[in-house]
Amino acid sequence: MQSTPKVRQVGAEDEVRVSLTRRWRSKRALRSAQLLDEVVDTQLPLLAGFDEERRRRSADYLAELVELAQDYRCYANGWIDSRELDRRGQRTMNRLARMREESSARLITD
């Protein structure tokens, strides 16, 4: 005899817990976006003192951070889910790693 799986009723308490968790994650994502904004705002004025090549590389790096901050805002607003945020974050980290590798290789060959 096959038994039917028990279905758990979702009650008001569960909905409140989900809502609070979502709100907490949203606030945390917004804090992460603000932190990235602060990093960019702090570093941006320093670019003026760099030579053209270093300024371009640094601006590209900062642009990646700006894009990641925007991704966190999209998550906080519910426009993307956590998997998409993870995917975008990993893509950003991979691009930043490639930029560092290219920069190191350029220094060795110069």
PDB file of N, CA and C in Angstrom:
ATOM      1  N   MET A   1       0.826  -1.173   0.000  1.00  0.00           N
ATOM      2  CA  MET A   1       0.000   0.000   0.000  1.00  0.00           C
ATOM      3  C   MET A   1       0.880   1.249   0.000  1.00  0.00           C
ATOM      4  N   GLN A   2       0.542   2.163  -0.853  1.00  0.00           N
ATOM      5  CA  GLN A   2       1.344   3.372  -1.014  1.00  0.00           C
ATOM      6  C   GLN A   2       0.740   4.478  -0.156  1.00  0.00           C
ATOM      7  N   SER A   3       1.593   5.101   0.622  1.00  0.00           N
ATOM      8  CA  SER A   3       1.086   6.185   1.456  1.00  0.00           C
ATOM      9  C   SER A   3       1.275   7.515   0.738  1.00  0.00           C
ATOM     10  N   THR A   4       0.391   8.401   0.968  1.00  0.00           N
ATOM     11  CA  THR A   4       0.489   9.720   0.359  1.00  0.00           C
ATOM     12  C   THR A   4       1.360  10.594   1.239  1.00  0.00           C
ATOM     13  N   PRO A   5       2.212  11.382   0.623  1.00  0.00           N
ATOM     14  CA  PRO A   5       3.080  12.253   1.428  1.00  0.00           C
ATOM     15  C   PRO A   5       2.251  13.300   2.168  1.00  0.00           C
ATOM     16  N   LYS A   6       2.709  13.603   3.350  1.00  0.00           N
ATOM     17  CA  LYS A   6       2.015  14.606   4.152  1.00  0.00           C
ATOM     18  C   LYS A   6       2.405  15.992   3.654  1.00  0.00           C
ATOM     19  N   VAL A   7       1.422  16.799   3.495  1.00  0.00           N
ATOM     20  CA  VAL A   7       1.652  18.171   3.051  1.00  0.00           C
ATOM     21  C   VAL A   7       1.538  19.071   4.265  1.00  0.00           C
ATOM     22  N   ARG A   8       2.546  19.849   4.451  1.00  0.00           N
ATOM     23  CA  ARG A   8       2.567  20.758   5.604  1.00  0.00           C
ATOM     24  C   ARG A   8       1.808  22.018   5.249  1.00  0.00           C
ATOM     25  N   GLN A   9       0.925  22.405   6.106  1.00  0.00           N
ATOM     26  CA  GLN A   9       0.166  23.632   5.910  1.00  0.00           C
ATOM     27  C   GLN A   9       1.069  24.828   6.205  1.00  0.00           C
ATOM     28  N   VAL A  10       0.994  25.804   5.351  1.00  0.00           N
ATOM     29  CA  VAL A  10       1.755  27.031   5.567  1.00  0.00           C
ATOM     30  C   VAL A  10       0.850  27.985   6.321  1.00  0.00           C
ATOM     31  N   GLY A  11       1.289  28.338   7.499  1.00  0.00           N
ATOM     32  CA  GLY A  11       0.485  29.211   8.331  1.00  0.00           C
ATOM     33  C   GLY A  11       1.005  30.629   8.344  1.00  0.00           C
ATOM     34  N   ALA A  12       0.318  31.455   9.071  1.00  0.00           N
ATOM     35  CA  ALA A  12       0.682  32.871   9.171  1.00  0.00           C
ATOM     36  C   ALA A  12       2.078  33.036   9.774  1.00  0.00           C
ATOM     37  N   GLU A  13       2.412  32.162  10.731  1.00  0.00           N
ATOM     38  CA  GLU A  13       3.728  32.246  11.371  1.00  0.00           C
ATOM     39  C   GLU A  13       4.841  31.996  10.354  1.00  0.00           C
ATOM     40  N   ASP A  14       4.626  31.016   9.468  1.00  0.00           N
ATOM     41  CA  ASP A  14       5.619  30.733   8.425  1.00  0.00           C
ATOM     42  C   ASP A  14       5.751  31.894   7.450  1.00  0.00           C
ATOM     43  N   GLU A  15       4.638  32.492   7.114  1.00  0.00           N
ATOM     44  CA  GLU A  15       4.675  33.634   6.196  1.00  0.00           C
ATOM     45  C   GLU A  15       5.420  34.805   6.807  1.00  0.00           C
ATOM     46  N   VAL A  16       5.230  35.023   8.092  1.00  0.00           N
ATOM     47  CA  VAL A  16       5.942  36.097   8.781  1.00  0.00           C
ATOM     48  C   VAL A  16       7.438  35.807   8.788  1.00  0.00           C
ATOM     49  N   ARG A  17       7.808  34.549   9.059  1.00  0.00           N
ATOM     50  CA  ARG A  17       9.219  34.165   9.082  1.00  0.00           C
ATOM     51  C   ARG A  17       9.864  34.373   7.719  1.00  0.00           C
ATOM     52  N   VAL A  18       9.166  33.969   6.653  1.00  0.00           N
ATOM     53  CA  VAL A  18       9.680  34.152   5.295  1.00  0.00           C
ATOM     54  C   VAL A  18       9.826  35.634   4.984  1.00  0.00           C
ATOM     55  N   SER A  19       8.837  36.421   5.377  1.00  0.00           N
ATOM     56  CA  SER A  19       8.874  37.862   5.134  1.00  0.00           C
ATOM     57  C   SER A  19      10.046  38.514   5.864  1.00  0.00           C
ATOM     58  N   LEU A  20      10.259  38.118   7.109  1.00  0.00           N
ATOM     59  CA  LEU A  20      11.368  38.686   7.879  1.00  0.00           C
ATOM     60  C   LEU A  20      12.718  38.283   7.287  1.00  0.00           C
ATOM     61  N   THR A  21      12.817  37.028   6.871  1.00  0.00           N
ATOM     62  CA  THR A  21      14.058  36.560   6.249  1.00  0.00           C
ATOM     63  C   THR A  21      14.333  37.318   4.964  1.00  0.00           C
ATOM     64  N   ARG A  22      13.301  37.500   4.150  1.00  0.00           N
ATOM     65  CA  ARG A  22      13.460  38.240   2.893  1.00  0.00           C
ATOM     66  C   ARG A  22      13.889  39.677   3.171  1.00  0.00           C
ATOM     67  N   ARG A  23      13.271  40.302   4.155  1.00  0.00           N
ATOM     68  CA  ARG A  23      13.600  41.686   4.505  1.00  0.00           C
ATOM     69  C   ARG A  23      15.045  41.785   5.004  1.00  0.00           C
ATOM     70  N   TRP A  24      15.464  40.821   5.833  1.00  0.00           N
ATOM     71  CA  TRP A  24      16.826  40.822   6.354  1.00  0.00           C
ATOM     72  C   TRP A  24      17.829  40.664   5.212  1.00  0.00           C
ATOM     73  N   ARG A  25      17.558  39.739   4.293  1.00  0.00           N
ATOM     74  CA  ARG A  25      18.458  39.535   3.152  1.00  0.00           C
ATOM     75  C   ARG A  25      18.497  40.772   2.258  1.00  0.00           C
ATOM     76  N   SER A  26      17.369  41.416   2.107  1.00  0.00           N
ATOM     77  CA  SER A  26      17.310  42.625   1.295  1.00  0.00           C
ATOM     78  C   SER A  26      18.163  43.733   1.923  1.00  0.00           C
ATOM     79  N   LYS A  27      18.042  43.904   3.214  1.00  0.00           N
ATOM     80  CA  LYS A  27      18.841  44.925   3.901  1.00  0.00           C
ATOM     81  C   LYS A  27      20.330  44.602   3.811  1.00  0.00           C
ATOM     82  N   ARG A  28      20.670  43.328   3.955  1.00  0.00           N
ATOM     83  CA  ARG A  28      22.071  42.921   3.864  1.00  0.00           C
ATOM     84  C   ARG A  28      22.618  43.182   2.463  1.00  0.00           C
ATOM     85  N   ALA A  29      21.806  42.913   1.446  1.00  0.00           N
ATOM     86  CA  ALA A  29      22.226  43.172   0.066  1.00  0.00           C
ATOM     87  C   ALA A  29      22.432  44.667  -0.160  1.00  0.00           C
ATOM     88  N   LEU A  30      21.545  45.484   0.377  1.00  0.00           N
ATOM     89  CA  LEU A  30      21.705  46.936   0.234  1.00  0.00           C
ATOM     90  C   LEU A  30      22.957  47.429   0.953  1.00  0.00           C
ATOM     91  N   ARG A  31      23.271  46.845   2.113  1.00  0.00           N
ATOM     92  CA  ARG A  31      24.508  47.218   2.825  1.00  0.00           C
ATOM     93  C   ARG A  31      25.736  46.837   1.997  1.00  0.00           C
ATOM     94  N   SER A  32      25.680  45.681   1.359  1.00  0.00           N
ATOM     95  CA  SER A  32      26.797  45.264   0.503  1.00  0.00           C
ATOM     96  C   SER A  32      26.966  46.229  -0.666  1.00  0.00           C
ATOM     97  N   ALA A  33      25.852  46.630  -1.266  1.00  0.00           N
ATOM     98  CA  ALA A  33      25.909  47.588  -2.376  1.00  0.00           C
ATOM     99  C   ALA A  33      26.501  48.915  -1.905  1.00  0.00           C
ATOM    100  N   GLN A  34      26.096  49.369  -0.723  1.00  0.00           N
ATOM    101  CA  GLN A  34      26.620  50.629  -0.185  1.00  0.00           C
ATOM    102  C   GLN A  34      28.117  50.529   0.088  1.00  0.00           C
ATOM    103  N   LEU A  35      28.560  49.399   0.588  1.00  0.00           N
ATOM    104  CA  LEU A  35      29.983  49.203   0.846  1.00  0.00           C
ATOM    105  C   LEU A  35      30.774  49.272  -0.457  1.00  0.00           C
ATOM    106  N   LEU A  36      30.275  48.607  -1.490  1.00  0.00           N
ATOM    107  CA  LEU A  36      30.950  48.660  -2.790  1.00  0.00           C
ATOM    108  C   LEU A  36      30.976  50.088  -3.331  1.00  0.00           C
ATOM    109  N   ASP A  37      29.875  50.810  -3.155  1.00  0.00           N
ATOM    110  CA  ASP A  37      29.836  52.220  -3.579  1.00  0.00           C
ATOM    111  C   ASP A  37      30.894  53.042  -2.855  1.00  0.00           C
ATOM    112  N   GLU A  38      31.054  52.795  -1.558  1.00  0.00           N
ATOM    113  CA  GLU A  38      32.051  53.525  -0.777  1.00  0.00           C
ATOM    114  C   GLU A  38      33.469  53.223  -1.266  1.00  0.00           C
ATOM    115  N   VAL A  39      33.732  51.961  -1.593  1.00  0.00           N
ATOM    116  CA  VAL A  39      35.044  51.594  -2.117  1.00  0.00           C
ATOM    117  C   VAL A  39      35.314  52.358  -3.408  1.00  0.00           C
ATOM    118  N   VAL A  40      34.335  52.359  -4.305  1.00  0.00           N
ATOM    119  CA  VAL A  40      34.502  53.048  -5.590  1.00  0.00           C
ATOM    120  C   VAL A  40      34.681  54.551  -5.357  1.00  0.00           C
ATOM    121  N   ASP A  41      33.838  55.137  -4.517  1.00  0.00           N
ATOM    122  CA  ASP A  41      33.931  56.582  -4.251  1.00  0.00           C
ATOM    123  C   ASP A  41      35.281  56.968  -3.646  1.00  0.00           C
ATOM    124  N   THR A  42      35.842  56.095  -2.827  1.00  0.00           N
ATOM    125  CA  THR A  42      37.139  56.363  -2.205  1.00  0.00           C
ATOM    126  C   THR A  42      38.279  56.259  -3.216  1.00  0.00           C
ATOM    127  N   GLN A  43      38.187  55.277  -4.112  1.00  0.00           N
ATOM    128  CA  GLN A  43      39.268  55.014  -5.053  1.00  0.00           C
ATOM    129  C   GLN A  43      39.234  55.905  -6.296  1.00  0.00           C
ATOM    130  N   LEU A  44      38.067  56.355  -6.678  1.00  0.00           N
ATOM    131  CA  LEU A  44      37.911  57.118  -7.919  1.00  0.00           C
ATOM    132  C   LEU A  44      38.811  58.354  -8.005  1.00  0.00           C
ATOM    133  N   PRO A  45      38.896  59.173  -6.955  1.00  0.00           N
ATOM    134  CA  PRO A  45      39.770  60.350  -7.058  1.00  0.00           C
ATOM    135  C   PRO A  45      41.247  60.010  -7.265  1.00  0.00           C
ATOM    136  N   LEU A  46      41.660  58.825  -6.853  1.00  0.00           N
ATOM    137  CA  LEU A  46      43.065  58.433  -6.990  1.00  0.00           C
ATOM    138  C   LEU A  46      43.456  58.188  -8.444  1.00  0.00           C
ATOM    139  N   LEU A  47      42.484  57.906  -9.294  1.00  0.00           N
ATOM    140  CA  LEU A  47      42.769  57.600 -10.693  1.00  0.00           C
ATOM    141  C   LEU A  47      43.435  58.761 -11.423  1.00  0.00           C
ATOM    142  N   ALA A  48      43.150  59.987 -10.996  1.00  0.00           N
ATOM    143  CA  ALA A  48      43.713  61.166 -11.663  1.00  0.00           C
ATOM    144  C   ALA A  48      45.244  61.174 -11.615  1.00  0.00           C
ATOM    145  N   GLY A  49      45.825  60.568 -10.600  1.00  0.00           N
ATOM    146  CA  GLY A  49      47.281  60.562 -10.458  1.00  0.00           C
ATOM    147  C   GLY A  49      47.975  59.429 -11.207  1.00  0.00           C
ATOM    148  N   PHE A  50      47.211  58.564 -11.863  1.00  0.00           N
ATOM    149  CA  PHE A  50      47.797  57.417 -12.569  1.00  0.00           C
ATOM    150  C   PHE A  50      48.111  57.753 -14.009  1.00  0.00           C
ATOM    151  N   ASP A  51      49.056  56.998 -14.589  1.00  0.00           N
ATOM    152  CA  ASP A  51      49.290  57.134 -16.018  1.00  0.00           C
ATOM    153  C   ASP A  51      48.071  56.567 -16.757  1.00  0.00           C
ATOM    154  N   GLU A  52      47.989  56.830 -18.048  1.00  0.00           N
ATOM    155  CA  GLU A  52      46.788  56.488 -18.816  1.00  0.00           C
ATOM    156  C   GLU A  52      46.449  55.001 -18.762  1.00  0.00           C
ATOM    157  N   GLU A  53      47.431  54.151 -18.938  1.00  0.00           N
ATOM    158  CA  GLU A  53      47.186  52.695 -18.944  1.00  0.00           C
ATOM    159  C   GLU A  53      46.677  52.209 -17.585  1.00  0.00           C
ATOM    160  N   ARG A  54      47.335  52.645 -16.525  1.00  0.00           N
ATOM    161  CA  ARG A  54      46.917  52.233 -15.175  1.00  0.00           C
ATOM    162  C   ARG A  54      45.552  52.817 -14.834  1.00  0.00           C
ATOM    163  N   ARG A  55      45.300  54.040 -15.275  1.00  0.00           N
ATOM    164  CA  ARG A  55      44.000  54.673 -15.028  1.00  0.00           C
ATOM    165  C   ARG A  55      42.887  53.881 -15.717  1.00  0.00           C
ATOM    166  N   ARG A  56      43.140  53.435 -16.956  1.00  0.00           N
ATOM    167  CA  ARG A  56      42.139  52.661 -17.691  1.00  0.00           C
ATOM    168  C   ARG A  56      41.858  51.331 -16.995  1.00  0.00           C
ATOM    169  N   ARG A  57      42.921  50.616 -16.599  1.00  0.00           N
ATOM    170  CA  ARG A  57      42.751  49.335 -15.906  1.00  0.00           C
ATOM    171  C   ARG A  57      42.006  49.516 -14.593  1.00  0.00           C
ATOM    172  N   SER A  58      42.366  50.548 -13.851  1.00  0.00           N
ATOM    173  CA  SER A  58      41.709  50.798 -12.568  1.00  0.00           C
ATOM    174  C   SER A  58      40.246  51.180 -12.756  1.00  0.00           C
ATOM    175  N   ALA A  59      39.966  51.970 -13.776  1.00  0.00           N
ATOM    176  CA  ALA A  59      38.571  52.342 -14.061  1.00  0.00           C
ATOM    177  C   ALA A  59      37.749  51.114 -14.443  1.00  0.00           C
ATOM    178  N   ASP A  60      38.341  50.208 -15.211  1.00  0.00           N
ATOM    179  CA  ASP A  60      37.639  48.965 -15.567  1.00  0.00           C
ATOM    180  C   ASP A  60      37.339  48.144 -14.315  1.00  0.00           C
ATOM    181  N   TYR A  61      38.292  48.081 -13.422  1.00  0.00           N
ATOM    182  CA  TYR A  61      38.124  47.336 -12.177  1.00  0.00           C
ATOM    183  C   TYR A  61      36.996  47.949 -11.346  1.00  0.00           C
ATOM    184  N   LEU A  62      37.019  49.268 -11.213  1.00  0.00           N
ATOM    185  CA  LEU A  62      35.972  49.950 -10.444  1.00  0.00           C
ATOM    186  C   LEU A  62      34.599  49.805 -11.107  1.00  0.00           C
ATOM    187  N   ALA A  63      34.566  49.789 -12.429  1.00  0.00           N
ATOM    188  CA  ALA A  63      33.294  49.599 -13.141  1.00  0.00           C
ATOM    189  C   ALA A  63      32.694  48.234 -12.818  1.00  0.00           C
ATOM    190  N   GLU A  64      33.532  47.227 -12.663  1.00  0.00           N
ATOM    191  CA  GLU A  64      33.037  45.895 -12.273  1.00  0.00           C
ATOM    192  C   GLU A  64      32.408  45.950 -10.879  1.00  0.00           C
ATOM    193  N   LEU A  65      33.027  46.705  -9.974  1.00  0.00           N
ATOM    194  CA  LEU A  65      32.474  46.839  -8.633  1.00  0.00           C
ATOM    195  C   LEU A  65      31.137  47.576  -8.652  1.00  0.00           C
ATOM    196  N   VAL A  66      31.024  48.591  -9.503  1.00  0.00           N
ATOM    197  CA  VAL A  66      29.763  49.320  -9.644  1.00  0.00           C
ATOM    198  C   VAL A  66      28.668  48.377 -10.158  1.00  0.00           C
ATOM    199  N   GLU A  67      29.027  47.556 -11.134  1.00  0.00           N
ATOM    200  CA  GLU A  67      28.052  46.603 -11.682  1.00  0.00           C
ATOM    201  C   GLU A  67      27.612  45.594 -10.618  1.00  0.00           C
ATOM    202  N   LEU A  68      28.553  45.133  -9.805  1.00  0.00           N
ATOM    203  CA  LEU A  68      28.209  44.188  -8.741  1.00  0.00           C
ATOM    204  C   LEU A  68      27.295  44.852  -7.708  1.00  0.00           C
ATOM    205  N   ALA A  69      27.557  46.104  -7.384  1.00  0.00           N
ATOM    206  CA  ALA A  69      26.681  46.834  -6.461  1.00  0.00           C
ATOM    207  C   ALA A  69      25.265  46.915  -7.031  1.00  0.00           C
ATOM    208  N   GLN A  70      25.163  47.151  -8.318  1.00  0.00           N
ATOM    209  CA  GLN A  70      23.850  47.202  -8.956  1.00  0.00           C
ATOM    210  C   GLN A  70      23.160  45.840  -8.888  1.00  0.00           C
ATOM    211  N   ASP A  71      23.920  44.767  -9.036  1.00  0.00           N
ATOM    212  CA  ASP A  71      23.350  43.423  -8.919  1.00  0.00           C
ATOM    213  C   ASP A  71      22.781  43.192  -7.522  1.00  0.00           C
ATOM    214  N   TYR A  72      23.495  43.661  -6.503  1.00  0.00           N
ATOM    215  CA  TYR A  72      22.982  43.543  -5.138  1.00  0.00           C
ATOM    216  C   TYR A  72      21.676  44.326  -4.979  1.00  0.00           C
ATOM    217  N   ARG A  73      21.587  45.485  -5.602  1.00  0.00           N
ATOM    218  CA  ARG A  73      20.343  46.260  -5.525  1.00  0.00           C
ATOM    219  C   ARG A  73      19.188  45.535  -6.225  1.00  0.00           C
ATOM    220  N   CYS A  74      19.493  44.911  -7.351  1.00  0.00           N
ATOM    221  CA  CYS A  74      18.465  44.131  -8.061  1.00  0.00           C
ATOM    222  C   CYS A  74      17.954  43.003  -7.179  1.00  0.00           C
ATOM    223  N   TYR A  75      18.851  42.346  -6.475  1.00  0.00           N
ATOM    224  CA  TYR A  75      18.447  41.283  -5.559  1.00  0.00           C
ATOM    225  C   TYR A  75      17.604  41.847  -4.416  1.00  0.00           C
ATOM    226  N   ALA A  76      18.042  42.960  -3.857  1.00  0.00           N
ATOM    227  CA  ALA A  76      17.304  43.568  -2.742  1.00  0.00           C
ATOM    228  C   ALA A  76      15.890  43.959  -3.153  1.00  0.00           C
ATOM    229  N   ASN A  77      15.726  44.358  -4.399  1.00  0.00           N
ATOM    230  CA  ASN A  77      14.402  44.746  -4.894  1.00  0.00           C
ATOM    231  C   ASN A  77      13.562  43.554  -5.347  1.00  0.00           C
ATOM    232  N   GLY A  78      14.150  42.361  -5.324  1.00  0.00           N
ATOM    233  CA  GLY A  78      13.412  41.173  -5.715  1.00  0.00           C
ATOM    234  C   GLY A  78      13.368  40.940  -7.212  1.00  0.00           C
ATOM    235  N   TRP A  79      14.190  41.636  -7.962  1.00  0.00           N
ATOM    236  CA  TRP A  79      14.193  41.501  -9.426  1.00  0.00           C
ATOM    237  C   TRP A  79      14.965  40.278  -9.877  1.00  0.00           C
ATOM    238  N   ILE A  80      15.929  39.821  -9.052  1.00  0.00           N
ATOM    239  CA  ILE A  80      16.659  38.583  -9.334  1.00  0.00           C
ATOM    240  C   ILE A  80      16.668  37.753  -8.056  1.00  0.00           C
ATOM    241  N   ASP A  81      16.851  36.439  -8.198  1.00  0.00           N
ATOM    242  CA  ASP A  81      16.896  35.578  -7.015  1.00  0.00           C
ATOM    243  C   ASP A  81      18.347  35.372  -6.575  1.00  0.00           C
ATOM    244  N   SER A  82      18.518  34.633  -5.489  1.00  0.00           N
ATOM    245  CA  SER A  82      19.867  34.457  -4.923  1.00  0.00           C
ATOM    246  C   SER A  82      20.780  33.681  -5.864  1.00  0.00           C
ATOM    247  N   ARG A  83      20.229  32.750  -6.622  1.00  0.00           N
ATOM    248  CA  ARG A  83      21.066  32.014  -7.579  1.00  0.00           C
ATOM    249  C   ARG A  83      21.623  32.939  -8.652  1.00  0.00           C
ATOM    250  N   GLU A  84      20.780  33.832  -9.146  1.00  0.00           N
ATOM    251  CA  GLU A  84      21.238  34.779 -10.167  1.00  0.00           C
ATOM    252  C   GLU A  84      22.271  35.734  -9.578  1.00  0.00           C
ATOM    253  N   LEU A  85      22.055  36.175  -8.337  1.00  0.00           N
ATOM    254  CA  LEU A  85      23.048  37.037  -7.684  1.00  0.00           C
ATOM    255  C   LEU A  85      24.373  36.294  -7.534  1.00  0.00           C
ATOM    256  N   ASP A  86      24.317  35.038  -7.122  1.00  0.00           N
ATOM    257  CA  ASP A  86      25.549  34.241  -7.010  1.00  0.00           C
ATOM    258  C   ASP A  86      26.236  34.104  -8.364  1.00  0.00           C
ATOM    259  N   ARG A  87      25.457  33.842  -9.410  1.00  0.00           N
ATOM    260  CA  ARG A  87      26.016  33.691 -10.754  1.00  0.00           C
ATOM    261  C   ARG A  87      26.699  34.986 -11.201  1.00  0.00           C
ATOM    262  N   ARG A  88      26.025  36.106 -10.983  1.00  0.00           N
ATOM    263  CA  ARG A  88      26.593  37.398 -11.372  1.00  0.00           C
ATOM    264  C   ARG A  88      27.825  37.734 -10.539  1.00  0.00           C
ATOM    265  N   GLY A  89      27.778  37.417  -9.247  1.00  0.00           N
ATOM    266  CA  GLY A  89      28.930  37.674  -8.385  1.00  0.00           C
ATOM    267  C   GLY A  89      30.135  36.848  -8.801  1.00  0.00           C
ATOM    268  N   GLN A  90      29.903  35.583  -9.144  1.00  0.00           N
ATOM    269  CA  GLN A  90      30.999  34.727  -9.601  1.00  0.00           C
ATOM    270  C   GLN A  90      31.575  35.225 -10.918  1.00  0.00           C
ATOM    271  N   ARG A  91      30.686  35.680 -11.811  1.00  0.00           N
ATOM    272  CA  ARG A  91      31.144  36.219 -13.102  1.00  0.00           C
ATOM    273  C   ARG A  91      32.021  37.452 -12.872  1.00  0.00           C
ATOM    274  N   THR A  92      31.611  38.310 -11.953  1.00  0.00           N
ATOM    275  CA  THR A  92      32.397  39.506 -11.643  1.00  0.00           C
ATOM    276  C   THR A  92      33.753  39.130 -11.058  1.00  0.00           C
ATOM    277  N   MET A  93      33.761  38.181 -10.128  1.00  0.00           N
ATOM    278  CA  MET A  93      35.024  37.769  -9.523  1.00  0.00           C
ATOM    279  C   MET A  93      35.960  37.156 -10.568  1.00  0.00           C
ATOM    280  N   ASN A  94      35.406  36.395 -11.503  1.00  0.00           N
ATOM    281  CA  ASN A  94      36.228  35.823 -12.573  1.00  0.00           C
ATOM    282  C   ASN A  94      36.829  36.906 -13.454  1.00  0.00           C
ATOM    283  N   ARG A  95      36.027  37.925 -13.781  1.00  0.00           N
ATOM    284  CA  ARG A  95      36.549  39.023 -14.610  1.00  0.00           C
ATOM    285  C   ARG A  95      37.632  39.796 -13.870  1.00  0.00           C
ATOM    286  N   LEU A  96      37.435  40.043 -12.572  1.00  0.00           N
ATOM    287  CA  LEU A  96      38.445  40.757 -11.788  1.00  0.00           C
ATOM    288  C   LEU A  96      39.738  39.940 -11.710  1.00  0.00           C
ATOM    289  N   ALA A  97      39.612  38.631 -11.557  1.00  0.00           N
ATOM    290  CA  ALA A  97      40.803  37.770 -11.516  1.00  0.00           C
ATOM    291  C   ALA A  97      41.542  37.816 -12.853  1.00  0.00           C
ATOM    292  N   ARG A  98      40.794  37.793 -13.955  1.00  0.00           N
ATOM    293  CA  ARG A  98      41.427  37.885 -15.280  1.00  0.00           C
ATOM    294  C   ARG A  98      42.146  39.220 -15.436  1.00  0.00           C
ATOM    295  N   MET A  99      41.526  40.296 -14.954  1.00  0.00           N
ATOM    296  CA  MET A  99      42.170  41.615 -15.046  1.00  0.00           C
ATOM    297  C   MET A  99      43.487  41.621 -14.277  1.00  0.00           C
ATOM    298  N   ARG A 100      43.486  41.022 -13.085  1.00  0.00           N
ATOM    299  CA  ARG A 100      44.721  40.971 -12.289  1.00  0.00           C
ATOM    300  C   ARG A 100      45.781  40.135 -12.988  1.00  0.00           C
ATOM    301  N   GLU A 101      45.364  38.993 -13.561  1.00  0.00           N
ATOM    302  CA  GLU A 101      46.316  38.137 -14.272  1.00  0.00           C
ATOM    303  C   GLU A 101      46.915  38.867 -15.472  1.00  0.00           C
ATOM    304  N   GLU A 102      46.066  39.549 -16.245  1.00  0.00           N
ATOM    305  CA  GLU A 102      46.549  40.285 -17.403  1.00  0.00           C
ATOM    306  C   GLU A 102      47.496  41.397 -16.995  1.00  0.00           C
ATOM    307  N   SER A 103      47.168  42.054 -15.888  1.00  0.00           N
ATOM    308  CA  SER A 103      48.010  43.131 -15.389  1.00  0.00           C
ATOM    309  C   SER A 103      49.364  42.585 -14.939  1.00  0.00           C
ATOM    310  N   SER A 104      49.369  41.451 -14.254  1.00  0.00           N
ATOM    311  CA  SER A 104      50.628  40.842 -13.797  1.00  0.00           C
ATOM    312  C   SER A 104      51.460  40.381 -14.974  1.00  0.00           C
ATOM    313  N   ALA A 105      50.827  39.783 -15.948  1.00  0.00           N
ATOM    314  CA  ALA A 105      51.556  39.313 -17.137  1.00  0.00           C
ATOM    315  C   ALA A 105      52.167  40.500 -17.886  1.00  0.00           C
ATOM    316  N   ARG A 106      51.453  41.602 -17.943  1.00  0.00           N
ATOM    317  CA  ARG A 106      51.938  42.785 -18.639  1.00  0.00           C
ATOM    318  C   ARG A 106      53.166  43.344 -17.911  1.00  0.00           C
ATOM    319  N   LEU A 107      53.151  43.317 -16.561  1.00  0.00           N
ATOM    320  CA  LEU A 107      54.286  43.829 -15.805  1.00  0.00           C
ATOM    321  C   LEU A 107      55.534  42.963 -16.024  1.00  0.00           C
ATOM    322  N   ILE A 108      55.344  41.669 -16.137  1.00  0.00           N
ATOM    323  CA  ILE A 108      56.473  40.755 -16.333  1.00  0.00           C
ATOM    324  C   ILE A 108      57.104  40.956 -17.699  1.00  0.00           C
ATOM    325  N   THR A 109      56.268  41.165 -18.730  1.00  0.00           N
ATOM    326  CA  THR A 109      56.801  41.294 -20.082  1.00  0.00           C
ATOM    327  C   THR A 109      57.333  42.682 -20.388  1.00  0.00           C
ATOM    328  N   ASP A 110      56.924  43.677 -19.606  1.00  0.00           N
ATOM    329  CA  ASP A 110      57.385  45.060 -19.883  1.00  0.00           C
ATOM    330  C   ASP A 110      58.784  45.298 -19.405  1.00  0.00           C
TER     331      ASP A 110
END
